[in-house]
């Protein structure tokens, strides 16, 4: 089941977020930078802000009564066209390969389509090849830009959002 996130989901979302990040940061970034108590508090605060935003949304995927996936999106800052950015997308690693990510992605794109969004973007960690394959399979195309941070790089991907009457999940 896909539903809007609620403040009562924050602990589950933050825990899931941290577990998912560990799968692609482990061995590349010091653990203290993605899994310390301080980082977890920062992650929780970020999700509180995301749920409260008026210019985006947060969706949860439930599997067997547990939050198993989460996606956050918002209007691209400063963008007057209303294009969206997928700011977070995580599935509990213990529940990968069960269709949760695909169902969550379809719900996100459908929400965008209903809102009249025509284009979206995301940034994906350059070493997270699994996520890059997932996004490509769901219609995302790599852009030429690479977003560089001091210790890592993220690839920029873009996607067209189909108008009403076309499949929101995967490209035709």
Protein backbone atom coordinates (compact mmCIF):
# COMPACT_ATOMS: atom_id res chain seq x y z
CA UNK A 1 0.00 0.00 0.00
CA UNK A 2 1.26 3.47 -0.90
CA UNK A 3 0.14 6.40 1.25
CA UNK A 4 1.11 9.89 2.32
CA UNK A 5 3.68 9.93 5.12
CA UNK A 6 2.62 11.14 8.54
CA UNK A 7 4.63 12.59 11.42
CA UNK A 8 4.14 9.28 13.24
CA UNK A 9 6.25 7.62 10.50
CA UNK A 10 9.40 9.66 11.20
CA UNK A 11 11.26 7.04 13.25
CA UNK A 12 10.56 4.27 10.73
CA UNK A 13 11.49 6.53 7.81
CA UNK A 14 14.75 7.72 9.40
CA UNK A 15 15.76 4.16 10.27
CA UNK A 16 14.98 2.95 6.75
CA UNK A 17 16.83 5.93 5.24
CA UNK A 18 19.94 5.15 7.30
CA UNK A 19 19.87 1.42 6.43
CA UNK A 20 19.50 2.14 2.73
CA UNK A 21 22.32 4.68 2.69
CA UNK A 22 24.62 2.19 4.43
CA UNK A 23 24.31 -0.15 1.44
CA UNK A 24 25.94 2.29 -0.95
CA UNK A 25 28.12 4.39 1.35
CA UNK A 26 29.72 1.50 3.27
CA UNK A 27 33.41 1.26 2.46
CA UNK A 28 33.38 4.58 0.59
CA UNK A 29 32.47 7.12 3.27
CA UNK A 30 33.29 6.90 6.99
CA UNK A 31 30.39 5.38 8.96
CA UNK A 32 30.22 8.46 11.19
CA UNK A 33 29.18 10.47 8.12
CA UNK A 34 26.06 8.39 7.41
CA UNK A 35 25.16 6.40 10.52
CA UNK A 36 26.13 8.28 13.69
CA UNK A 37 23.60 9.46 16.27
CA UNK A 38 24.20 13.04 15.14
CA UNK A 39 23.54 12.14 11.49
CA UNK A 40 20.41 10.19 12.45
CA UNK A 41 19.09 13.25 14.32
CA UNK A 42 19.80 15.37 11.23
CA UNK A 43 18.04 12.80 9.01
CA UNK A 44 15.00 12.79 11.31
CA UNK A 45 14.82 16.59 11.24
CA UNK A 46 15.04 16.57 7.45
CA UNK A 47 12.13 14.16 7.17
CA UNK A 48 10.06 16.26 9.58
CA UNK A 49 10.64 19.25 7.28
CA UNK A 50 9.88 17.21 4.16
CA UNK A 51 6.54 15.99 5.50
CA UNK A 52 5.59 19.55 6.45
CA UNK A 53 6.48 21.10 3.06
CA UNK A 54 3.71 22.66 1.03
CA UNK A 55 5.62 22.48 -2.27
CA UNK A 56 6.12 18.73 -2.42
CA UNK A 57 5.18 15.46 -0.84
CA UNK A 58 6.36 12.35 0.96
CA UNK A 59 4.93 8.94 0.16
CA UNK A 60 5.42 5.73 2.13
CA UNK A 61 5.18 2.20 0.84
CA UNK A 62 3.92 -0.28 3.41
CA UNK A 63 4.70 -3.97 3.14
CA UNK A 64 3.23 -6.36 5.69
CA UNK A 65 2.21 -3.39 7.85
CA UNK A 66 5.70 -1.87 8.00
CA UNK A 67 7.09 1.22 6.24
CA UNK A 68 9.24 -0.48 3.62
CA UNK A 69 9.90 2.43 1.26
CA UNK A 70 9.78 6.21 1.21
CA UNK A 71 10.00 8.89 -1.43
CA UNK A 72 10.18 12.67 -1.03
CA UNK A 73 9.84 15.25 -3.77
CA UNK A 74 9.45 18.99 -4.11
CA UNK A 75 9.38 21.75 -6.66
CA UNK A 76 12.90 22.53 -7.80
CA UNK A 77 14.04 25.51 -5.79
CA UNK A 78 13.73 28.71 -7.81
CA UNK A 79 12.06 26.92 -10.73
CA UNK A 80 9.03 28.80 -12.06
CA UNK A 81 8.01 25.94 -14.38
CA UNK A 82 6.97 23.66 -11.51
CA UNK A 83 9.44 20.90 -12.39
CA UNK A 84 10.00 18.44 -9.56
CA UNK A 85 13.06 17.01 -7.92
CA UNK A 86 12.98 13.57 -6.34
CA UNK A 87 14.95 14.43 -3.20
CA UNK A 88 14.86 11.03 -1.50
CA UNK A 89 13.92 7.52 -2.59
CA UNK A 90 14.69 4.57 -0.34
CA UNK A 91 13.49 1.00 0.03
CA UNK A 92 14.37 -1.11 3.05
CA UNK A 93 17.26 -3.31 1.84
CA UNK A 94 15.67 -6.31 3.60
CA UNK A 95 12.69 -5.89 1.26
CA UNK A 96 14.44 -5.30 -2.06
CA UNK A 97 13.29 -7.19 -5.17
CA UNK A 98 9.65 -7.39 -4.05
CA UNK A 99 8.23 -4.66 -6.30
CA UNK A 100 8.06 -2.09 -3.50
CA UNK A 101 10.34 0.40 -5.25
CA UNK A 102 8.49 0.06 -8.55
CA UNK A 103 5.10 0.58 -6.88
CA UNK A 104 6.41 3.57 -4.96
CA UNK A 105 7.98 5.07 -8.09
CA UNK A 106 4.73 4.61 -10.03
CA UNK A 107 2.80 6.40 -7.26
CA UNK A 108 5.27 9.30 -7.25
CA UNK A 109 5.07 9.77 -11.02
CA UNK A 110 1.27 9.50 -10.88
CA UNK A 111 1.15 12.23 -8.21
CA UNK A 112 3.30 14.42 -10.45
CA UNK A 113 1.14 13.69 -13.48
CA UNK A 114 -2.06 14.62 -11.60
CA UNK A 115 -0.39 17.88 -10.54
CA UNK A 116 0.57 18.78 -14.10
CA UNK A 117 4.30 18.23 -13.65
CA UNK A 118 6.01 17.52 -16.97
CA UNK A 119 9.67 17.10 -15.98
CA UNK A 120 11.56 15.83 -12.96
CA UNK A 121 15.15 15.42 -11.87
CA UNK A 122 17.11 13.55 -9.23
CA UNK A 123 20.67 13.14 -8.08
CA UNK A 124 22.08 9.66 -7.47
CA UNK A 125 25.36 8.78 -5.79
CA UNK A 126 27.87 7.89 -8.50
CA UNK A 127 28.77 4.55 -6.87
CA UNK A 128 25.15 3.49 -6.36
CA UNK A 129 24.92 1.49 -9.57
CA UNK A 130 21.91 -0.50 -8.35
CA UNK A 131 19.90 2.72 -7.98
CA UNK A 132 21.11 4.00 -11.34
CA UNK A 133 19.87 0.80 -13.01
CA UNK A 134 16.52 1.09 -11.19
CA UNK A 135 16.02 4.68 -12.30
CA UNK A 136 17.04 3.92 -15.90
CA UNK A 137 14.52 1.06 -16.00
CA UNK A 138 11.87 3.57 -14.88
CA UNK A 139 12.49 6.13 -17.59
CA UNK A 140 15.21 8.31 -16.09
CA UNK A 141 18.00 9.45 -18.39
CA UNK A 142 21.45 10.55 -17.23
CA UNK A 143 22.22 14.21 -17.76
CA UNK A 144 25.70 15.39 -18.59
CA UNK A 145 26.08 17.29 -15.34
CA UNK A 146 27.80 15.70 -12.34
CA UNK A 147 27.12 17.36 -9.00
CA UNK A 148 30.38 17.40 -7.04
CA UNK A 149 30.59 17.53 -3.26
CA UNK A 150 33.91 17.59 -1.38
CA UNK A 151 33.96 13.81 -0.81
CA UNK A 152 31.65 12.41 -3.46
CA UNK A 153 29.82 12.99 -6.68
CA UNK A 154 26.22 12.56 -7.66
CA UNK A 155 24.95 12.00 -11.17
CA UNK A 156 22.03 14.07 -12.34
CA UNK A 157 19.18 12.21 -14.04
CA UNK A 158 16.08 13.63 -15.71
CA UNK A 159 12.69 12.22 -16.63
CA UNK A 160 9.70 13.38 -18.60
CA UNK A 161 6.37 12.88 -16.85
CA UNK A 162 3.74 11.44 -19.19
CA UNK A 163 0.48 13.29 -19.65
CA UNK A 164 -2.85 11.75 -18.67
CA UNK A 165 -3.63 8.54 -20.55
CA UNK A 166 -0.03 7.28 -20.63
CA UNK A 167 1.59 4.89 -18.20
CA UNK A 168 3.12 6.78 -15.24
CA UNK A 169 5.46 3.98 -14.10
CA UNK A 170 7.64 3.00 -17.00
CA UNK A 171 8.15 4.58 -20.38
CA UNK A 172 6.10 3.13 -23.24
